Amino acid sequence: MWRLYFTRRARKDAKKLASTGLKTNAQTLLDVIKENPFQSPPPYEKLVGDLKGALSRRINIQHRLVYQVYKEEKAVKILCMWTHYE
């Protein structure tokens, strides 16, 4: 099991997801990440640019769950769960 940490932004995003009905989609992805952040399917992408080193998975067509993996600590930091283009 991997330990999950949430940034302040991710906590705010979780509230937005709950109000839009996407909470179950996000929770499913979080459960997968908790077991193995590199598991596929569902597919993940390595991000570039400002978020280089982070991974992302689709919650739906518009929103993504973006996270960083710390292998030594066996921890995953959830950066955001809303669109990362804002």
PDB file of N, CA and C in Angstrom:
ATOM      1  N   MET A   1       0.837  -1.194   0.000  1.00  0.00           N
ATOM      2  CA  MET A   1       0.000   0.000   0.000  1.00  0.00           C
ATOM      3  C   MET A   1       0.879   1.255   0.000  1.00  0.00           C
ATOM      4  N   TRP A   2       0.497   2.200  -0.814  1.00  0.00           N
ATOM      5  CA  TRP A   2       1.183   3.482  -0.878  1.00  0.00           C
ATOM      6  C   TRP A   2       0.404   4.488  -0.042  1.00  0.00           C
ATOM      7  N   ARG A   3       1.114   5.400   0.582  1.00  0.00           N
ATOM      8  CA  ARG A   3       0.481   6.438   1.381  1.00  0.00           C
ATOM      9  C   ARG A   3       0.161   7.631   0.489  1.00  0.00           C
ATOM     10  N   LEU A   4      -1.051   8.168   0.609  1.00  0.00           N
ATOM     11  CA  LEU A   4      -1.474   9.306  -0.201  1.00  0.00           C
ATOM     12  C   LEU A   4      -1.435  10.586   0.624  1.00  0.00           C
ATOM     13  N   TYR A   5      -0.889  11.641   0.031  1.00  0.00           N
ATOM     14  CA  TYR A   5      -0.890  12.976   0.625  1.00  0.00           C
ATOM     15  C   TYR A   5      -1.607  13.911  -0.341  1.00  0.00           C
ATOM     16  N   PHE A   6      -2.389  14.822   0.176  1.00  0.00           N
ATOM     17  CA  PHE A   6      -3.154  15.749  -0.659  1.00  0.00           C
ATOM     18  C   PHE A   6      -2.683  17.177  -0.428  1.00  0.00           C
ATOM     19  N   THR A   7      -2.448  17.903  -1.522  1.00  0.00           N
ATOM     20  CA  THR A   7      -2.122  19.319  -1.401  1.00  0.00           C
ATOM     21  C   THR A   7      -3.395  20.084  -1.067  1.00  0.00           C
ATOM     22  N   ARG A   8      -3.237  21.326  -0.672  1.00  0.00           N
ATOM     23  CA  ARG A   8      -4.390  22.178  -0.375  1.00  0.00           C
ATOM     24  C   ARG A   8      -5.293  22.291  -1.599  1.00  0.00           C
ATOM     25  N   ARG A   9      -4.676  22.435  -2.760  1.00  0.00           N
ATOM     26  CA  ARG A   9      -5.452  22.538  -3.999  1.00  0.00           C
ATOM     27  C   ARG A   9      -6.250  21.260  -4.260  1.00  0.00           C
ATOM     28  N   ALA A  10      -5.640  20.107  -4.017  1.00  0.00           N
ATOM     29  CA  ALA A  10      -6.327  18.826  -4.237  1.00  0.00           C
ATOM     30  C   ALA A  10      -7.531  18.695  -3.319  1.00  0.00           C
ATOM     31  N   ARG A  11      -7.410  19.183  -2.090  1.00  0.00           N
ATOM     32  CA  ARG A  11      -8.555  19.136  -1.167  1.00  0.00           C
ATOM     33  C   ARG A  11      -9.699  19.999  -1.673  1.00  0.00           C
ATOM     34  N   LYS A  12      -9.371  21.188  -2.195  1.00  0.00           N
ATOM     35  CA  LYS A  12     -10.401  22.056  -2.773  1.00  0.00           C
ATOM     36  C   LYS A  12     -11.043  21.384  -3.983  1.00  0.00           C
ATOM     37  N   ASP A  13     -10.204  20.767  -4.799  1.00  0.00           N
ATOM     38  CA  ASP A  13     -10.705  20.088  -6.000  1.00  0.00           C
ATOM     39  C   ASP A  13     -11.641  18.938  -5.639  1.00  0.00           C
ATOM     40  N   ALA A  14     -11.362  18.251  -4.538  1.00  0.00           N
ATOM     41  CA  ALA A  14     -12.218  17.142  -4.114  1.00  0.00           C
ATOM     42  C   ALA A  14     -13.633  17.640  -3.825  1.00  0.00           C
ATOM     43  N   LYS A  15     -13.742  18.823  -3.256  1.00  0.00           N
ATOM     44  CA  LYS A  15     -15.066  19.398  -2.986  1.00  0.00           C
ATOM     45  C   LYS A  15     -15.787  19.718  -4.293  1.00  0.00           C
ATOM     46  N   LYS A  16     -15.047  20.235  -5.271  1.00  0.00           N
ATOM     47  CA  LYS A  16     -15.645  20.530  -6.580  1.00  0.00           C
ATOM     48  C   LYS A  16     -16.141  19.244  -7.234  1.00  0.00           C
ATOM     49  N   LEU A  17     -15.328  18.184  -7.162  1.00  0.00           N
ATOM     50  CA  LEU A  17     -15.709  16.904  -7.767  1.00  0.00           C
ATOM     51  C   LEU A  17     -16.974  16.339  -7.123  1.00  0.00           C
ATOM     52  N   ALA A  18     -17.063  16.475  -5.811  1.00  0.00           N
ATOM     53  CA  ALA A  18     -18.245  15.963  -5.112  1.00  0.00           C
ATOM     54  C   ALA A  18     -19.508  16.684  -5.571  1.00  0.00           C
ATOM     55  N   SER A  19     -19.390  17.982  -5.828  1.00  0.00           N
ATOM     56  CA  SER A  19     -20.566  18.752  -6.239  1.00  0.00           C
ATOM     57  C   SER A  19     -20.943  18.513  -7.699  1.00  0.00           C
ATOM     58  N   THR A  20     -20.032  17.967  -8.497  1.00  0.00           N
ATOM     59  CA  THR A  20     -20.330  17.713  -9.911  1.00  0.00           C
ATOM     60  C   THR A  20     -20.645  16.245 -10.196  1.00  0.00           C
ATOM     61  N   GLY A  21     -20.603  15.408  -9.173  1.00  0.00           N
ATOM     62  CA  GLY A  21     -20.929  13.999  -9.362  1.00  0.00           C
ATOM     63  C   GLY A  21     -19.784  13.147  -9.869  1.00  0.00           C
ATOM     64  N   LEU A  22     -18.552  13.652  -9.808  1.00  0.00           N
ATOM     65  CA  LEU A  22     -17.391  12.893 -10.287  1.00  0.00           C
ATOM     66  C   LEU A  22     -16.600  12.256  -9.144  1.00  0.00           C
ATOM     67  N   LYS A  23     -17.149  12.321  -7.948  1.00  0.00           N
ATOM     68  CA  LYS A  23     -16.438  11.812  -6.778  1.00  0.00           C
ATOM     69  C   LYS A  23     -16.127  10.314  -6.909  1.00  0.00           C
ATOM     70  N   THR A  24     -17.070   9.516  -7.407  1.00  0.00           N
ATOM     71  CA  THR A  24     -16.832   8.072  -7.513  1.00  0.00           C
ATOM     72  C   THR A  24     -15.737   7.756  -8.524  1.00  0.00           C
ATOM     73  N   ASN A  25     -15.693   8.522  -9.627  1.00  0.00           N
ATOM     74  CA  ASN A  25     -14.625   8.325 -10.621  1.00  0.00           C
ATOM     75  C   ASN A  25     -13.264   8.606  -9.991  1.00  0.00           C
ATOM     76  N   ALA A  26     -13.167   9.718  -9.265  1.00  0.00           N
ATOM     77  CA  ALA A  26     -11.905  10.098  -8.631  1.00  0.00           C
ATOM     78  C   ALA A  26     -11.520   9.081  -7.560  1.00  0.00           C
ATOM     79  N   GLN A  27     -12.489   8.622  -6.779  1.00  0.00           N
ATOM     80  CA  GLN A  27     -12.198   7.658  -5.713  1.00  0.00           C
ATOM     81  C   GLN A  27     -11.692   6.339  -6.289  1.00  0.00           C
ATOM     82  N   THR A  28     -12.234   5.928  -7.406  1.00  0.00           N
ATOM     83  CA  THR A  28     -11.762   4.714  -8.072  1.00  0.00           C
ATOM     84  C   THR A  28     -10.291   4.851  -8.458  1.00  0.00           C
ATOM     85  N   LEU A  29      -9.938   6.001  -9.030  1.00  0.00           N
ATOM     86  CA  LEU A  29      -8.539   6.245  -9.402  1.00  0.00           C
ATOM     87  C   LEU A  29      -7.635   6.298  -8.169  1.00  0.00           C
ATOM     88  N   LEU A  30      -8.100   6.933  -7.105  1.00  0.00           N
ATOM     89  CA  LEU A  30      -7.301   7.010  -5.879  1.00  0.00           C
ATOM     90  C   LEU A  30      -7.056   5.614  -5.299  1.00  0.00           C
ATOM     91  N   ASP A  31      -8.054   4.745  -5.383  1.00  0.00           N
ATOM     92  CA  ASP A  31      -7.883   3.373  -4.904  1.00  0.00           C
ATOM     93  C   ASP A  31      -6.834   2.629  -5.715  1.00  0.00           C
ATOM     94  N   VAL A  32      -6.827   2.833  -7.038  1.00  0.00           N
ATOM     95  CA  VAL A  32      -5.826   2.214  -7.913  1.00  0.00           C
ATOM     96  C   VAL A  32      -4.434   2.734  -7.561  1.00  0.00           C
ATOM     97  N   ILE A  33      -4.315   4.047  -7.392  1.00  0.00           N
ATOM     98  CA  ILE A  33      -3.026   4.670  -7.093  1.00  0.00           C
ATOM     99  C   ILE A  33      -2.506   4.200  -5.738  1.00  0.00           C
ATOM    100  N   LYS A  34      -3.396   4.029  -4.789  1.00  0.00           N
ATOM    101  CA  LYS A  34      -3.001   3.571  -3.451  1.00  0.00           C
ATOM    102  C   LYS A  34      -2.403   2.162  -3.514  1.00  0.00           C
ATOM    103  N   GLU A  35      -2.945   1.328  -4.372  1.00  0.00           N
ATOM    104  CA  GLU A  35      -2.420  -0.028  -4.543  1.00  0.00           C
ATOM    105  C   GLU A  35      -1.106  -0.032  -5.321  1.00  0.00           C
ATOM    106  N   ASN A  36      -1.089   0.683  -6.458  1.00  0.00           N
ATOM    107  CA  ASN A  36       0.101   0.746  -7.311  1.00  0.00           C
ATOM    108  C   ASN A  36      -0.025   1.959  -8.230  1.00  0.00           C
ATOM    109  N   PRO A  37       0.759   3.025  -7.996  1.00  0.00           N
ATOM    110  CA  PRO A  37       0.629   4.242  -8.798  1.00  0.00           C
ATOM    111  C   PRO A  37       1.034   4.075 -10.262  1.00  0.00           C
ATOM    112  N   PHE A  38       1.662   2.951 -10.596  1.00  0.00           N
ATOM    113  CA  PHE A  38       2.094   2.724 -11.976  1.00  0.00           C
ATOM    114  C   PHE A  38       1.231   1.681 -12.687  1.00  0.00           C
ATOM    115  N   GLN A  39       0.157   1.237 -12.058  1.00  0.00           N
ATOM    116  CA  GLN A  39      -0.726   0.223 -12.644  1.00  0.00           C
ATOM    117  C   GLN A  39      -1.412   0.749 -13.896  1.00  0.00           C
ATOM    118  N   SER A  40      -1.502  -0.109 -14.877  1.00  0.00           N
ATOM    119  CA  SER A  40      -2.224   0.239 -16.097  1.00  0.00           C
ATOM    120  C   SER A  40      -2.991  -0.987 -16.530  1.00  0.00           C
ATOM    121  N   PRO A  41      -4.234  -0.972 -16.882  1.00  0.00           N
ATOM    122  CA  PRO A  41      -5.154   0.165 -16.936  1.00  0.00           C
ATOM    123  C   PRO A  41      -5.641   0.571 -15.553  1.00  0.00           C
ATOM    124  N   PRO A  42      -6.245   1.711 -15.396  1.00  0.00           N
ATOM    125  CA  PRO A  42      -6.413   2.760 -16.399  1.00  0.00           C
ATOM    126  C   PRO A  42      -5.069   3.412 -16.727  1.00  0.00           C
ATOM    127  N   PRO A  43      -4.933   3.862 -17.967  1.00  0.00           N
ATOM    128  CA  PRO A  43      -3.635   4.406 -18.403  1.00  0.00           C
ATOM    129  C   PRO A  43      -3.283   5.706 -17.679  1.00  0.00           C
ATOM    130  N   TYR A  44      -1.992   5.945 -17.582  1.00  0.00           N
ATOM    131  CA  TYR A  44      -1.506   7.211 -17.030  1.00  0.00           C
ATOM    132  C   TYR A  44      -0.541   7.832 -18.020  1.00  0.00           C
ATOM    133  N   GLU A  45      -0.320   9.133 -17.864  1.00  0.00           N
ATOM    134  CA  GLU A  45       0.615   9.858 -18.733  1.00  0.00           C
ATOM    135  C   GLU A  45       1.670  10.527 -17.881  1.00  0.00           C
ATOM    136  N   LYS A  46       2.891  10.568 -18.391  1.00  0.00           N
ATOM    137  CA  LYS A  46       3.943  11.362 -17.765  1.00  0.00           C
ATOM    138  C   LYS A  46       3.801  12.775 -18.299  1.00  0.00           C
ATOM    139  N   LEU A  47       3.780  13.753 -17.406  1.00  0.00           N
ATOM    140  CA  LEU A  47       3.578  15.135 -17.821  1.00  0.00           C
ATOM    141  C   LEU A  47       4.919  15.816 -18.108  1.00  0.00           C
ATOM    142  N   VAL A  48       4.857  16.877 -18.875  1.00  0.00           N
ATOM    143  CA  VAL A  48       6.042  17.659 -19.238  1.00  0.00           C
ATOM    144  C   VAL A  48       5.786  19.117 -18.857  1.00  0.00           C
ATOM    145  N   GLY A  49       6.787  19.944 -19.058  1.00  0.00           N
ATOM    146  CA  GLY A  49       6.635  21.367 -18.762  1.00  0.00           C
ATOM    147  C   GLY A  49       6.705  21.629 -17.267  1.00  0.00           C
ATOM    148  N   ASP A  50       5.820  22.508 -16.783  1.00  0.00           N
ATOM    149  CA  ASP A  50       5.807  22.877 -15.366  1.00  0.00           C
ATOM    150  C   ASP A  50       5.558  21.675 -14.453  1.00  0.00           C
ATOM    151  N   LEU A  51       4.861  20.688 -14.954  1.00  0.00           N
ATOM    152  CA  LEU A  51       4.520  19.516 -14.148  1.00  0.00           C
ATOM    153  C   LEU A  51       5.390  18.304 -14.486  1.00  0.00           C
ATOM    154  N   LYS A  52       6.594  18.561 -15.009  1.00  0.00           N
ATOM    155  CA  LYS A  52       7.500  17.469 -15.364  1.00  0.00           C
ATOM    156  C   LYS A  52       7.778  16.614 -14.126  1.00  0.00           C
ATOM    157  N   GLY A  53       7.717  15.320 -14.304  1.00  0.00           N
ATOM    158  CA  GLY A  53       7.931  14.390 -13.203  1.00  0.00           C
ATOM    159  C   GLY A  53       6.628  13.925 -12.575  1.00  0.00           C
ATOM    160  N   ALA A  54       5.535  14.588 -12.908  1.00  0.00           N
ATOM    161  CA  ALA A  54       4.228  14.199 -12.381  1.00  0.00           C
ATOM    162  C   ALA A  54       3.539  13.260 -13.373  1.00  0.00           C
ATOM    163  N   LEU A  55       2.578  12.527 -12.869  1.00  0.00           N
ATOM    164  CA  LEU A  55       1.776  11.619 -13.692  1.00  0.00           C
ATOM    165  C   LEU A  55       0.328  12.084 -13.636  1.00  0.00           C
ATOM    166  N   SER A  56      -0.442  11.730 -14.651  1.00  0.00           N
ATOM    167  CA  SER A  56      -1.852  12.097 -14.629  1.00  0.00           C
ATOM    168  C   SER A  56      -2.709  10.969 -15.169  1.00  0.00           C
ATOM    169  N   ARG A  57      -3.927  10.916 -14.659  1.00  0.00           N
ATOM    170  CA  ARG A  57      -4.936   9.969 -15.123  1.00  0.00           C
ATOM    171  C   ARG A  57      -6.230  10.743 -15.318  1.00  0.00           C
ATOM    172  N   ARG A  58      -7.005  10.341 -16.304  1.00  0.00           N
ATOM    173  CA  ARG A  58      -8.267  11.023 -16.590  1.00  0.00           C
ATOM    174  C   ARG A  58      -9.361  10.623 -15.606  1.00  0.00           C
ATOM    175  N   ILE A  59     -10.020  11.648 -15.048  1.00  0.00           N
ATOM    176  CA  ILE A  59     -11.228  11.431 -14.263  1.00  0.00           C
ATOM    177  C   ILE A  59     -12.405  11.380 -15.229  1.00  0.00           C
ATOM    178  N   ASN A  60     -12.413  12.324 -16.158  1.00  0.00           N
ATOM    179  CA  ASN A  60     -13.357  12.321 -17.282  1.00  0.00           C
ATOM    180  C   ASN A  60     -12.653  13.021 -18.443  1.00  0.00           C
ATOM    181  N   ILE A  61     -13.378  13.398 -19.473  1.00  0.00           N
ATOM    182  CA  ILE A  61     -12.763  14.002 -20.664  1.00  0.00           C
ATOM    183  C   ILE A  61     -12.038  15.308 -20.340  1.00  0.00           C
ATOM    184  N   GLN A  62     -12.545  16.064 -19.356  1.00  0.00           N
ATOM    185  CA  GLN A  62     -11.977  17.378 -19.048  1.00  0.00           C
ATOM    186  C   GLN A  62     -11.021  17.366 -17.855  1.00  0.00           C
ATOM    187  N   HIS A  63     -11.325  16.589 -16.847  1.00  0.00           N
ATOM    188  CA  HIS A  63     -10.583  16.667 -15.587  1.00  0.00           C
ATOM    189  C   HIS A  63      -9.616  15.498 -15.421  1.00  0.00           C
ATOM    190  N   ARG A  64      -8.504  15.822 -14.765  1.00  0.00           N
ATOM    191  CA  ARG A  64      -7.450  14.835 -14.541  1.00  0.00           C
ATOM    192  C   ARG A  64      -7.028  14.822 -13.085  1.00  0.00           C
ATOM    193  N   LEU A  65      -6.546  13.682 -12.661  1.00  0.00           N
ATOM    194  CA  LEU A  65      -5.947  13.545 -11.351  1.00  0.00           C
ATOM    195  C   LEU A  65      -4.435  13.568 -11.590  1.00  0.00           C
ATOM    196  N   VAL A  66      -3.755  14.545 -11.021  1.00  0.00           N
ATOM    197  CA  VAL A  66      -2.316  14.728 -11.234  1.00  0.00           C
ATOM    198  C   VAL A  66      -1.589  14.418  -9.926  1.00  0.00           C
ATOM    199  N   TYR A  67      -0.538  13.601 -10.014  1.00  0.00           N
ATOM    200  CA  TYR A  67       0.164  13.190  -8.797  1.00  0.00           C
ATOM    201  C   TYR A  67       1.651  12.978  -9.053  1.00  0.00           C
ATOM    202  N   GLN A  68       2.410  13.009  -7.948  1.00  0.00           N
ATOM    203  CA  GLN A  68       3.842  12.720  -7.980  1.00  0.00           C
ATOM    204  C   GLN A  68       4.093  11.498  -7.100  1.00  0.00           C
ATOM    205  N   VAL A  69       5.026  10.669  -7.526  1.00  0.00           N
ATOM    206  CA  VAL A  69       5.346   9.444  -6.787  1.00  0.00           C
ATOM    207  C   VAL A  69       6.726   9.596  -6.151  1.00  0.00           C
ATOM    208  N   TYR A  70       6.796   9.262  -4.856  1.00  0.00           N
ATOM    209  CA  TYR A  70       8.062   9.260  -4.116  1.00  0.00           C
ATOM    210  C   TYR A  70       8.344   7.806  -3.730  1.00  0.00           C
ATOM    211  N   LYS A  71       9.170   7.144  -4.548  1.00  0.00           N
ATOM    212  CA  LYS A  71       9.407   5.704  -4.388  1.00  0.00           C
ATOM    213  C   LYS A  71      10.068   5.362  -3.060  1.00  0.00           C
ATOM    214  N   GLU A  72      11.053   6.162  -2.622  1.00  0.00           N
ATOM    215  CA  GLU A  72      11.776   5.864  -1.393  1.00  0.00           C
ATOM    216  C   GLU A  72      10.852   5.837  -0.183  1.00  0.00           C
ATOM    217  N   GLU A  73       9.920   6.800  -0.118  1.00  0.00           N
ATOM    218  CA  GLU A  73       8.992   6.890   1.006  1.00  0.00           C
ATOM    219  C   GLU A  73       7.742   6.048   0.794  1.00  0.00           C
ATOM    220  N   LYS A  74       7.615   5.497  -0.427  1.00  0.00           N
ATOM    221  CA  LYS A  74       6.409   4.773  -0.823  1.00  0.00           C
ATOM    222  C   LYS A  74       5.177   5.642  -0.574  1.00  0.00           C
ATOM    223  N   ALA A  75       5.275   6.883  -1.106  1.00  0.00           N
ATOM    224  CA  ALA A  75       4.221   7.873  -0.914  1.00  0.00           C
ATOM    225  C   ALA A  75       3.847   8.502  -2.252  1.00  0.00           C
ATOM    226  N   VAL A  76       2.613   8.958  -2.331  1.00  0.00           N
ATOM    227  CA  VAL A  76       2.100   9.623  -3.524  1.00  0.00           C
ATOM    228  C   VAL A  76       1.484  10.945  -3.093  1.00  0.00           C
ATOM    229  N   LYS A  77       1.927  12.025  -3.739  1.00  0.00           N
ATOM    230  CA  LYS A  77       1.368  13.341  -3.456  1.00  0.00           C
ATOM    231  C   LYS A  77       0.362  13.679  -4.555  1.00  0.00           C
ATOM    232  N   ILE A  78      -0.892  13.860  -4.160  1.00  0.00           N
ATOM    233  CA  ILE A  78      -1.943  14.244  -5.101  1.00  0.00           C
ATOM    234  C   ILE A  78      -1.881  15.756  -5.251  1.00  0.00           C
ATOM    235  N   LEU A  79      -1.558  16.221  -6.458  1.00  0.00           N
ATOM    236  CA  LEU A  79      -1.396  17.662  -6.694  1.00  0.00           C
ATOM    237  C   LEU A  79      -2.720  18.353  -6.994  1.00  0.00           C
ATOM    238  N   CYS A  80      -3.517  17.753  -7.871  1.00  0.00           N
ATOM    239  CA  CYS A  80      -4.819  18.344  -8.192  1.00  0.00           C
ATOM    240  C   CYS A  80      -5.728  17.273  -8.776  1.00  0.00           C
ATOM    241  N   MET A  81      -7.026  17.554  -8.703  1.00  0.00           N
ATOM    242  CA  MET A  81      -8.001  16.612  -9.218  1.00  0.00           C
ATOM    243  C   MET A  81      -9.035  17.326 -10.095  1.00  0.00           C
ATOM    244  N   TRP A  82      -8.707  18.484 -10.542  1.00  0.00           N
ATOM    245  CA  TRP A  82      -9.545  19.258 -11.445  1.00  0.00           C
ATOM    246  C   TRP A  82      -8.698  19.437 -12.676  1.00  0.00           C
ATOM    247  N   THR A  83      -9.114  20.225 -13.625  1.00  0.00           N
ATOM    248  CA  THR A  83      -8.297  20.431 -14.805  1.00  0.00           C
ATOM    249  C   THR A  83      -6.948  21.023 -14.418  1.00  0.00           C
ATOM    250  N   HIS A  84      -5.858  20.554 -14.991  1.00  0.00           N
ATOM    251  CA  HIS A  84      -4.547  21.112 -14.661  1.00  0.00           C
ATOM    252  C   HIS A  84      -4.130  22.178 -15.656  1.00  0.00           C
ATOM    253  N   TYR A  85      -5.056  22.600 -16.505  1.00  0.00           N
ATOM    254  CA  TYR A  85      -4.742  23.637 -17.488  1.00  0.00           C
ATOM    255  C   TYR A  85      -5.052  25.037 -16.986  1.00  0.00           C
ATOM    256  N   GLU A  86      -5.672  25.148 -15.816  1.00  0.00           N
ATOM    257  CA  GLU A  86      -6.030  26.468 -15.270  1.00  0.00           C
ATOM    258  C   GLU A  86      -4.829  27.147 -14.683  1.00  0.00           C
TER     259      GLU A  86
END
